Protein backbone atom coordinates (compact mmCIF):
# COMPACT_ATOMS: atom_id res chain seq x y z
CA UNK A 1 32.25 -17.62 1.67
CA UNK A 2 29.27 -17.07 -0.64
CA UNK A 3 27.23 -14.02 0.25
CA UNK A 4 23.50 -14.60 0.63
CA UNK A 5 21.49 -13.12 -2.22
CA UNK A 6 17.88 -12.17 -1.56
CA UNK A 7 15.48 -14.03 -3.87
CA UNK A 8 13.98 -12.33 -6.90
CA UNK A 9 10.51 -10.95 -6.04
CA UNK A 10 8.77 -13.51 -8.24
CA UNK A 11 10.77 -16.31 -6.61
CA UNK A 12 9.86 -14.95 -3.17
CA UNK A 13 6.13 -14.76 -3.95
CA UNK A 14 6.15 -18.18 -5.63
CA UNK A 15 7.77 -19.55 -2.48
CA UNK A 16 4.88 -18.19 -0.43
CA UNK A 17 2.41 -19.75 -2.87
CA UNK A 18 4.13 -23.12 -2.41
CA UNK A 19 4.07 -22.65 1.38
CA UNK A 20 0.35 -21.83 1.28
CA UNK A 21 -0.19 -25.01 -0.75
CA UNK A 22 1.73 -27.06 1.83
CA UNK A 23 -0.37 -25.55 4.65
CA UNK A 24 -3.50 -26.84 2.94
CA UNK A 25 -2.10 -30.35 3.64
CA UNK A 26 -0.63 -29.71 7.08
CA UNK A 27 -3.38 -27.67 8.75
CA UNK A 28 -6.87 -28.98 9.51
CA UNK A 29 -9.52 -27.43 7.29
CA UNK A 30 -12.15 -25.35 9.03
CA UNK A 31 -14.24 -22.24 8.69
CA UNK A 32 -16.50 -19.81 10.54
CA UNK A 33 -20.14 -19.20 9.75
CA UNK A 34 -20.51 -15.77 8.20
CA UNK A 35 -23.37 -13.29 8.18
CA UNK A 36 -23.99 -9.96 6.47
CA UNK A 37 -23.18 -7.06 8.78
CA UNK A 38 -25.81 -4.31 8.26
CA UNK A 39 -23.44 -1.50 9.31
CA UNK A 40 -20.66 -2.31 6.85
CA UNK A 41 -22.55 -4.44 4.29
CA UNK A 42 -19.73 -6.98 4.54
CA UNK A 43 -19.74 -10.67 5.40
CA UNK A 44 -18.32 -11.09 8.90
CA UNK A 45 -17.60 -14.17 10.99
CA UNK A 46 -19.92 -15.33 13.77
CA UNK A 47 -17.96 -15.73 17.05
CA UNK A 48 -17.81 -19.30 18.32
CA UNK A 49 -18.93 -20.73 14.99
CA UNK A 50 -15.60 -22.24 13.92
CA UNK A 51 -16.06 -25.85 12.83
CA UNK A 52 -14.09 -28.45 10.88
CA UNK A 53 -14.88 -28.97 7.22
CA UNK A 54 -13.72 -31.66 4.81
CA UNK A 55 -10.09 -31.21 3.82
CA UNK A 56 -9.52 -29.61 0.42
CA UNK A 57 -5.75 -29.80 -0.13
CA UNK A 58 -4.55 -27.83 -3.12
CA UNK A 59 -2.76 -29.96 -5.71
CA UNK A 60 0.26 -28.91 -7.75
CA UNK A 61 -1.79 -28.22 -10.88
CA UNK A 62 -4.41 -26.29 -8.93
CA UNK A 63 -1.64 -24.24 -7.31
CA UNK A 64 -0.44 -23.16 -10.75
CA UNK A 65 -4.01 -22.43 -11.85
CA UNK A 66 -4.40 -20.19 -8.78
CA UNK A 67 -1.72 -17.83 -10.11
CA UNK A 68 -3.87 -16.64 -13.06
CA UNK A 69 -6.85 -16.71 -10.70
CA UNK A 70 -4.92 -14.37 -8.43
CA UNK A 71 -4.32 -12.10 -11.41
CA UNK A 72 -8.03 -12.26 -12.20
CA UNK A 73 -8.99 -11.43 -8.61
CA UNK A 74 -6.60 -8.46 -8.68
CA UNK A 75 -7.59 -7.57 -12.23
CA UNK A 76 -8.87 -4.07 -11.40
CA UNK A 77 -5.55 -3.17 -9.77
CA UNK A 78 -3.52 -4.82 -12.54
CA UNK A 79 -5.25 -2.79 -15.23
CA UNK A 80 -4.90 0.39 -13.19
CA UNK A 81 -1.14 -0.19 -13.17
CA UNK A 82 -1.04 -0.81 -16.92
CA UNK A 83 -3.20 2.16 -17.90
CA UNK A 84 -1.62 4.62 -15.48
CA UNK A 85 1.85 3.51 -16.54
CA UNK A 86 0.91 3.96 -20.18
CA UNK A 87 -0.58 7.39 -19.51
CA UNK A 88 2.49 8.69 -17.72
CA UNK A 89 4.79 7.32 -20.39
CA UNK A 90 2.81 9.38 -22.90
CA UNK A 91 3.06 12.44 -20.66
CA UNK A 92 6.80 11.86 -20.28
CA UNK A 93 7.30 11.60 -24.05
CA UNK A 94 5.81 15.04 -24.51
CA UNK A 95 8.63 16.44 -22.33
CA UNK A 96 6.11 17.93 -19.92
CA UNK A 97 7.33 15.98 -16.89
CA UNK A 98 10.90 17.19 -17.25
CA UNK A 99 9.67 20.69 -17.90
CA UNK A 100 7.47 20.58 -14.78
CA UNK A 101 10.26 19.22 -12.57
CA UNK A 102 12.65 21.90 -13.86
CA UNK A 103 10.05 24.56 -13.11
CA UNK A 104 9.51 23.22 -9.59
CA UNK A 105 13.22 22.97 -8.79
CA UNK A 106 13.90 26.44 -10.15
CA UNK A 107 11.42 27.89 -7.69
CA UNK A 108 12.58 25.66 -4.84
CA UNK A 109 16.25 26.53 -5.35
CA UNK A 110 17.83 26.98 -1.96
CA UNK A 111 14.79 25.36 -0.32
CA UNK A 112 15.07 21.85 -1.81
CA UNK A 113 15.09 20.45 1.72
CA UNK A 114 11.36 21.27 1.93
CA UNK A 115 10.41 19.04 -1.01
CA UNK A 116 10.61 15.74 0.91
CA UNK A 117 8.55 16.74 3.99
CA UNK A 118 5.92 18.36 1.76
CA UNK A 119 5.64 15.19 -0.32
CA UNK A 120 5.52 13.05 2.83
CA UNK A 121 2.76 15.21 4.30
CA UNK A 122 0.74 14.96 1.07
CA UNK A 123 0.99 11.18 0.75
CA UNK A 124 0.42 10.62 4.48
CA UNK A 125 -2.72 12.74 4.22
CA UNK A 126 -3.98 10.69 1.27
CA UNK A 127 -3.17 7.50 3.17
CA UNK A 128 -5.12 8.77 6.16
CA UNK A 129 -8.06 9.84 4.01
CA UNK A 130 -8.48 6.92 1.62
CA UNK A 131 -5.79 4.31 2.26
CA UNK A 132 -3.84 5.33 -0.84
CA UNK A 133 -1.64 2.49 -2.05
CA UNK A 134 -1.86 1.09 -5.57
CA UNK A 135 -2.74 4.54 -6.91
CA UNK A 136 0.79 5.77 -6.15
CA UNK A 137 2.29 3.44 -8.74
CA UNK A 138 0.92 5.79 -11.40
CA UNK A 139 3.17 8.57 -10.09
CA UNK A 140 6.43 6.61 -10.36
CA UNK A 141 7.77 8.50 -13.42
CA UNK A 142 7.25 11.88 -11.73
CA UNK A 143 8.67 10.78 -8.38
CA UNK A 144 11.74 9.04 -9.82
CA UNK A 145 12.52 11.98 -12.09
CA UNK A 146 12.15 14.43 -9.20
CA UNK A 147 14.39 12.35 -6.92
CA UNK A 148 17.01 12.02 -9.64
CA UNK A 149 17.07 15.76 -10.21
CA UNK A 150 17.47 16.29 -6.46
CA UNK A 151 20.24 13.69 -6.38
CA UNK A 152 18.38 11.27 -4.10
CA UNK A 153 18.28 7.47 -4.63
CA UNK A 154 15.21 5.81 -6.12
CA UNK A 155 14.43 4.26 -2.73
CA UNK A 156 13.58 7.77 -1.51
CA UNK A 157 10.74 7.90 -4.02
CA UNK A 158 9.20 4.76 -2.48
CA UNK A 159 9.77 5.90 1.11
CA UNK A 160 8.37 9.39 0.71
CA UNK A 161 5.26 8.16 -1.14
CA UNK A 162 4.22 4.57 -0.41
CA UNK A 163 5.97 4.56 2.97
CA UNK A 164 4.46 7.84 4.14
CA UNK A 165 1.01 6.80 2.89
CA UNK A 166 1.21 3.54 4.86
CA UNK A 167 2.19 5.39 8.04
CA UNK A 168 -0.63 7.89 7.55
CA UNK A 169 -3.12 5.07 6.97
CA UNK A 170 -1.97 3.03 9.97
CA UNK A 171 -2.25 5.93 12.44
CA UNK A 172 -5.24 7.60 10.77
CA UNK A 173 -8.27 8.74 12.78
CA UNK A 174 -10.63 8.37 9.79
CA UNK A 175 -9.24 5.93 7.18
CA UNK A 176 -12.49 4.30 5.97
CA UNK A 177 -10.80 1.01 4.99
CA UNK A 178 -8.98 0.46 8.28
CA UNK A 179 -10.23 2.31 11.34
CA UNK A 180 -13.59 3.04 9.68
CA UNK A 181 -14.47 -0.60 8.99
CA UNK A 182 -13.03 -1.76 12.33
CA UNK A 183 -15.01 0.79 14.34
CA UNK A 184 -18.25 -0.10 12.59
CA UNK A 185 -17.69 -3.78 13.32
CA UNK A 186 -16.88 -2.91 16.94
CA UNK A 187 -20.07 -0.80 17.10
CA UNK A 188 -18.10 2.34 17.94
CA UNK A 189 -19.00 5.84 16.71
CA UNK A 190 -17.10 6.97 13.62
CA UNK A 191 -14.11 9.18 14.47
CA UNK A 192 -14.29 8.18 18.14
CA UNK A 193 -10.85 8.34 19.72
CA UNK A 194 -9.77 10.64 16.90
CA UNK A 195 -7.78 13.05 19.06
CA UNK A 196 -5.84 10.18 20.60
CA UNK A 197 -5.01 8.78 17.15
CA UNK A 198 -3.84 12.18 15.90
CA UNK A 199 -1.59 12.47 18.98
CA UNK A 200 0.18 9.30 17.81
CA UNK A 201 0.00 10.09 14.08
CA UNK A 202 2.13 13.24 14.45
CA UNK A 203 5.20 11.60 16.07
CA UNK A 204 4.87 8.57 13.77
CA UNK A 205 4.96 10.74 10.65
CA UNK A 206 7.78 12.90 12.04
CA UNK A 207 9.82 9.76 12.77
CA UNK A 208 9.29 8.34 9.28
CA UNK A 209 9.89 11.63 7.46
CA UNK A 210 12.95 12.65 9.48
CA UNK A 211 14.68 9.28 9.07
CA UNK A 212 13.82 9.22 5.36
CA UNK A 213 15.34 12.67 4.91
CA UNK A 214 18.46 11.60 6.79
CA UNK A 215 18.82 8.50 4.60
CA UNK A 216 18.26 10.56 1.43
CA UNK A 217 20.88 13.12 2.48
CA UNK A 218 23.35 10.37 3.34
CA UNK A 219 23.13 8.77 -0.10
CA UNK A 220 22.62 11.93 -2.10
CA UNK A 221 24.73 12.40 -5.20
CA UNK A 222 24.59 16.01 -6.38
CA UNK A 223 23.51 15.95 -10.04
CA UNK A 224 26.21 17.15 -12.39
CA UNK A 225 25.64 20.28 -14.41
CA UNK A 226 25.81 18.17 -17.56
CA UNK A 227 22.97 15.87 -16.37
CA UNK A 228 20.79 18.82 -15.41
CA UNK A 229 21.47 20.51 -18.72
CA UNK A 230 20.65 17.32 -20.62
CA UNK A 231 17.30 17.05 -18.85
CA UNK A 232 16.54 20.70 -19.59
CA UNK A 233 17.41 20.23 -23.27
CA UNK A 234 15.21 17.12 -23.44
CA UNK A 235 12.37 19.10 -21.91
CA UNK A 236 12.74 21.91 -24.41
CA UNK A 237 13.23 19.67 -27.46
CA UNK A 238 10.52 17.08 -26.76
CA UNK A 239 7.87 16.55 -29.43
CA UNK A 240 5.43 18.54 -27.32
CA UNK A 241 7.71 21.60 -27.02
CA UNK A 242 5.69 24.76 -26.47
CA UNK A 243 2.71 22.78 -25.20
CA UNK A 244 4.13 21.61 -21.88
CA UNK A 245 1.97 23.98 -19.87
CA UNK A 246 -1.23 22.61 -21.40
CA UNK A 247 -0.18 19.01 -20.72
CA UNK A 248 0.72 19.83 -17.11
CA UNK A 249 -2.54 21.71 -16.66
CA UNK A 250 -4.42 18.65 -17.91
CA UNK A 251 -2.40 16.38 -15.59
CA UNK A 252 -3.13 18.47 -12.49
CA UNK A 253 -6.78 18.71 -13.48
CA UNK A 254 -6.89 14.90 -13.66
CA UNK A 255 -5.21 14.68 -10.23
CA UNK A 256 -7.85 16.98 -8.79
CA UNK A 257 -10.67 14.97 -10.35
CA UNK A 258 -8.97 11.77 -9.17
CA UNK A 259 -8.84 12.98 -5.53
CA UNK A 260 -12.46 14.17 -5.65
CA UNK A 261 -13.67 10.94 -7.21
CA UNK A 262 -11.91 8.72 -4.67
CA UNK A 263 -12.79 10.72 -1.55
CA UNK A 264 -16.27 12.01 -2.40
CA UNK A 265 -17.65 9.72 -5.13
CA UNK A 266 -16.25 6.42 -3.81
CA UNK A 267 -14.58 5.62 -7.11
CA UNK A 268 -13.17 2.15 -7.53
CA UNK A 269 -10.13 1.10 -9.57
CA UNK A 270 -12.17 0.87 -12.79
CA UNK A 271 -13.03 4.59 -12.70
CA UNK A 272 -9.43 5.46 -11.83
CA UNK A 273 -8.16 3.41 -14.79
CA UNK A 274 -10.59 5.15 -17.14
CA UNK A 275 -9.38 8.53 -15.89
CA UNK A 276 -5.74 7.67 -16.60
CA UNK A 277 -6.67 6.38 -20.05
CA UNK A 278 -8.26 9.77 -20.76
CA UNK A 279 -5.16 11.53 -19.38
CA UNK A 280 -2.86 9.61 -21.71
CA UNK A 281 -4.97 10.27 -24.80
CA UNK A 282 -5.43 13.95 -23.96
CA UNK A 283 -1.75 14.47 -23.11
CA UNK A 284 -0.58 12.80 -26.31
CA UNK A 285 -2.82 14.93 -28.51
CA UNK A 286 -2.10 18.18 -26.65
CA UNK A 287 1.62 17.41 -26.57
CA UNK A 288 1.84 16.94 -30.32
CA UNK A 289 2.48 13.18 -30.37
CA UNK A 290 -0.48 12.45 -32.64
CA UNK A 291 -2.56 9.29 -32.51
CA UNK A 292 0.23 6.90 -33.47
CA UNK A 293 2.74 8.53 -31.12
CA UNK A 294 0.24 8.36 -28.28
CA UNK A 295 -0.42 4.68 -29.00
CA UNK A 296 3.33 3.99 -29.05
CA UNK A 297 3.64 5.71 -25.67
CA UNK A 298 0.91 3.54 -24.18
CA UNK A 299 2.54 0.37 -25.52
CA UNK A 300 5.91 1.38 -24.04
CA UNK A 301 4.23 2.09 -20.72
CA UNK A 302 2.46 -1.28 -20.74
CA UNK A 303 5.80 -2.98 -21.33
CA UNK A 304 7.53 -1.08 -18.53
CA UNK A 305 4.77 -1.79 -15.99
CA UNK A 306 4.19 -5.46 -16.86
CA UNK A 307 6.44 -6.78 -14.09
CA UNK A 308 4.87 -4.55 -11.45
CA UNK A 309 1.38 -5.60 -12.50
CA UNK A 310 2.25 -9.31 -12.43
CA UNK A 311 3.58 -9.01 -8.87
CA UNK A 312 0.16 -7.87 -7.67
CA UNK A 313 -1.46 -10.98 -9.14
CA UNK A 314 1.16 -13.33 -7.68
CA UNK A 315 0.69 -11.76 -4.25
CA UNK A 316 -3.08 -12.22 -4.50
CA UNK A 317 -2.62 -15.88 -5.48
CA UNK A 318 -1.28 -16.65 -1.99
CA UNK A 319 -4.64 -15.80 -0.42
CA UNK A 320 -6.48 -17.66 -3.19
CA UNK A 321 -4.58 -20.86 -2.35
CA UNK A 322 -5.18 -20.51 1.41
CA UNK A 323 -8.86 -19.84 0.81
CA UNK A 324 -9.23 -22.88 -1.44
CA UNK A 325 -7.53 -25.02 1.20
CA UNK A 326 -9.97 -23.72 3.86
CA UNK A 327 -7.12 -22.92 6.25
CA UNK A 328 -7.42 -19.12 6.60
CA UNK A 329 -10.04 -19.45 9.34
CA UNK A 330 -7.98 -22.19 10.97
CA UNK A 331 -5.06 -19.78 11.26
CA UNK A 332 -7.32 -17.11 12.77
CA UNK A 333 -8.82 -19.52 15.30
CA UNK A 334 -5.41 -20.88 16.34
CA UNK A 335 -3.95 -17.41 16.87
CA UNK A 336 -6.94 -15.78 18.58
CA UNK A 337 -8.06 -18.53 20.99
CA UNK A 338 -5.09 -18.32 23.45
CA UNK A 339 -5.70 -14.59 24.07
CA UNK A 340 -8.63 -15.35 26.39
CA UNK A 341 -6.25 -16.61 29.09
CA UNK A 342 -3.98 -13.53 29.21
CA UNK A 343 -4.12 -10.42 31.45
CA UNK A 344 -5.75 -7.38 29.87
CA UNK A 345 -2.58 -5.52 28.79
CA UNK A 346 -0.93 -8.74 27.61
CA UNK A 347 -4.07 -9.66 25.67
CA UNK A 348 -4.04 -6.27 23.91
CA UNK A 349 -0.41 -6.72 22.90
CA UNK A 350 -1.24 -10.31 21.95
CA UNK A 351 -3.92 -8.96 19.63
CA UNK A 352 -1.25 -6.87 17.94
CA UNK A 353 0.81 -10.03 17.49
CA UNK A 354 -2.16 -11.88 16.03
CA UNK A 355 -2.96 -9.06 13.60
CA UNK A 356 0.68 -8.86 12.55
CA UNK A 357 0.91 -12.59 11.89
CA UNK A 358 -2.36 -12.65 9.96
CA UNK A 359 -1.45 -9.81 7.64
CA UNK A 360 0.96 -12.01 5.72
CA UNK A 361 -1.72 -14.46 4.51
CA UNK A 362 -4.49 -11.80 4.57
CA UNK A 363 -2.90 -8.69 2.99
CA UNK A 364 -6.16 -6.71 2.73
CA UNK A 365 -6.67 -4.49 5.79
CA UNK A 366 -10.44 -4.25 5.29
CA UNK A 367 -10.64 -8.01 4.73
CA UNK A 368 -8.60 -8.60 7.86
CA UNK A 369 -10.91 -6.35 9.87
CA UNK A 370 -14.01 -8.28 8.79
CA UNK A 371 -12.24 -11.54 9.65
CA UNK A 372 -10.84 -10.67 13.08
CA UNK A 373 -12.91 -7.92 14.70
CA UNK A 374 -16.07 -10.02 15.23
CA UNK A 375 -13.88 -12.54 17.11
CA UNK A 376 -11.75 -10.18 19.16
CA UNK A 377 -14.45 -7.70 20.22
CA UNK A 378 -16.53 -10.26 22.20
CA UNK A 379 -13.30 -11.57 23.71
CA UNK A 380 -12.38 -8.04 24.77
CA UNK A 381 -15.79 -7.62 26.42
CA UNK A 382 -15.25 -10.80 28.42
CA UNK A 383 -11.84 -9.81 29.78
CA UNK A 384 -12.70 -6.13 30.35
CA UNK A 385 -10.70 -4.64 27.47
CA UNK A 386 -11.99 -1.51 25.73
CA UNK A 387 -13.29 -2.03 22.20
CA UNK A 388 -11.42 1.09 21.14
CA UNK A 389 -8.17 -0.57 22.22
CA UNK A 390 -9.03 -3.62 20.09
CA UNK A 391 -9.41 -1.30 17.09
CA UNK A 392 -6.10 0.41 17.89
CA UNK A 393 -4.33 -2.95 18.14
CA UNK A 394 -5.71 -3.96 14.74
CA UNK A 395 -4.97 -0.61 13.15
CA UNK A 396 -1.34 -0.28 14.22
CA UNK A 397 -0.40 -3.93 13.72
CA UNK A 398 -2.09 -4.62 10.37
CA UNK A 399 -1.56 -1.13 8.97
CA UNK A 400 2.18 -0.99 9.69
CA UNK A 401 2.65 -4.44 8.13
CA UNK A 402 1.97 -2.73 4.81
CA UNK A 403 5.52 -1.38 5.08
CA UNK A 404 7.30 -4.74 5.02
CA UNK A 405 5.15 -7.68 3.98
CA UNK A 406 6.03 -9.20 0.58
CA UNK A 407 2.38 -10.19 0.09
CA UNK A 408 1.52 -6.47 -0.21
CA UNK A 409 1.21 -6.37 -3.99
CA UNK A 410 1.17 -2.57 -4.13
CA UNK A 411 4.49 -2.34 -2.26
CA UNK A 412 6.15 -5.01 -4.40
CA UNK A 413 4.87 -3.35 -7.58
CA UNK A 414 6.11 0.06 -6.44
CA UNK A 415 9.57 -1.31 -5.63
CA UNK A 416 9.76 -3.03 -9.00
CA UNK A 417 8.65 0.11 -10.86
CA UNK A 418 11.33 2.17 -9.08
CA UNK A 419 14.02 -0.48 -9.54
CA UNK A 420 14.51 -1.03 -5.78
CA UNK A 421 15.23 -4.54 -4.47
CA UNK A 422 13.05 -5.91 -1.68
CA UNK A 423 16.14 -6.67 0.40
CA UNK A 424 17.32 -3.08 0.01
CA UNK A 425 13.88 -1.88 1.08
CA UNK A 426 13.85 -4.18 4.12
CA UNK A 427 17.20 -2.82 5.29
CA UNK A 428 15.73 0.67 5.12
CA UNK A 429 12.17 0.08 6.31
CA UNK A 430 12.77 -2.71 8.84
CA UNK A 431 14.25 -0.62 11.69
CA UNK A 432 11.70 2.15 11.11
CA UNK A 433 8.87 -0.37 11.11
CA UNK A 434 10.02 -1.74 14.46
CA UNK A 435 10.25 1.77 15.93
CA UNK A 436 6.74 2.61 14.70
CA UNK A 437 5.39 -0.73 15.96
CA UNK A 438 6.89 0.04 19.38
CA UNK A 439 5.16 3.44 19.28
CA UNK A 440 1.88 1.71 18.42
CA UNK A 441 2.31 -0.82 21.25
CA UNK A 442 3.03 2.00 23.67
CA UNK A 443 -0.11 3.75 22.42
CA UNK A 444 -2.21 0.61 22.95
CA UNK A 445 -0.97 0.11 26.53
CA UNK A 446 -1.36 3.82 27.33
CA UNK A 447 -4.92 3.74 25.94
CA UNK A 448 -5.81 1.01 28.45
CA UNK A 449 -4.65 3.07 31.42
CA UNK A 450 -6.06 6.33 30.05
CA UNK A 451 -9.46 4.76 29.48
CA UNK A 452 -9.60 5.60 25.76
């Protein structure tokens, strides 16, 4: 009996692109009227404005054209992946990464068990603060090296970073791209219901971190003395020997500037890419690689990150096809309309189902908020459901989907960069996702009866 083999990530995403193309033929074309929302400065749908439009089925040639268009739409993220990958390859070639990991492990000796929860807390905090996702791909070399030195599988690097950030974002009381946008569209005060969200964030993060640590311990392979010694020798004999401290100081300075720029200056991906370009050039010169050695490091990094960057563009192409076929709004209308006939608690859980289903074709959480909240908030008012509960239903359903949906380009790119198969990730993340979704559903129902 032939064992089922999970499709290659590019095959999987291309299959979704073909499915989106087929939907442009099968589903009736339609759209909502949109207006500019003064609170968020985003285009939002006008409730009750859905109307049919002439069908615009996407042909085979146009479907193929939409792949480079998807890459163009995701261009800022794609170039962030290339430039950050190139920068960290340069840093790695100086030997500074290995030196830094050795230094960290030497001081954590006997307390290595604390490394994973500390990393999870950091990434969850960044997810809660600014919806960190694509930015983590830049840290792959550091994370993979650290996990290898601890003896943990590469999957642990994804779980403790991207996974923890997604959990922190989904349960966040202040994530500007999820709860922030949704609350503005629902005309709720910023940070309202914050204490209730924190009360759910803590057990959610504990569940994810504890099960990740258990999985890491189960599959841990204690590094041999020879492997550790080889890494230490490489660190000492790298072309930047004697300058590792300066390179690491530069790297941490860039991280600090990166965090400040994202949180306080509202930096976009272009500014982040420029910062990593500067990091790579500065690290190469400080580490003794010279101009040519630095350029070689960037080229090697571009080559290593090409697959991860392409996955982001392919994932974006799915939405491009659906948008061209004018069937995204049709999907929203078909899923949201039946909720009006359900009891209050069932309607709230139904909203979670709608948000979950929509996150596959609409993988942007902020985009999904602008698409669905103007429709679901008036419906909630009609049936006596709290607007805060509508936001919770959106937040937990759409946010947690970031853990498992193959149209999440950042997740697919991170898995590819770490060498982890999507099927392997699903076996790990799937049960944890269901447990967290159950926690979110319980939180939504409890919020109804507690009057949140």
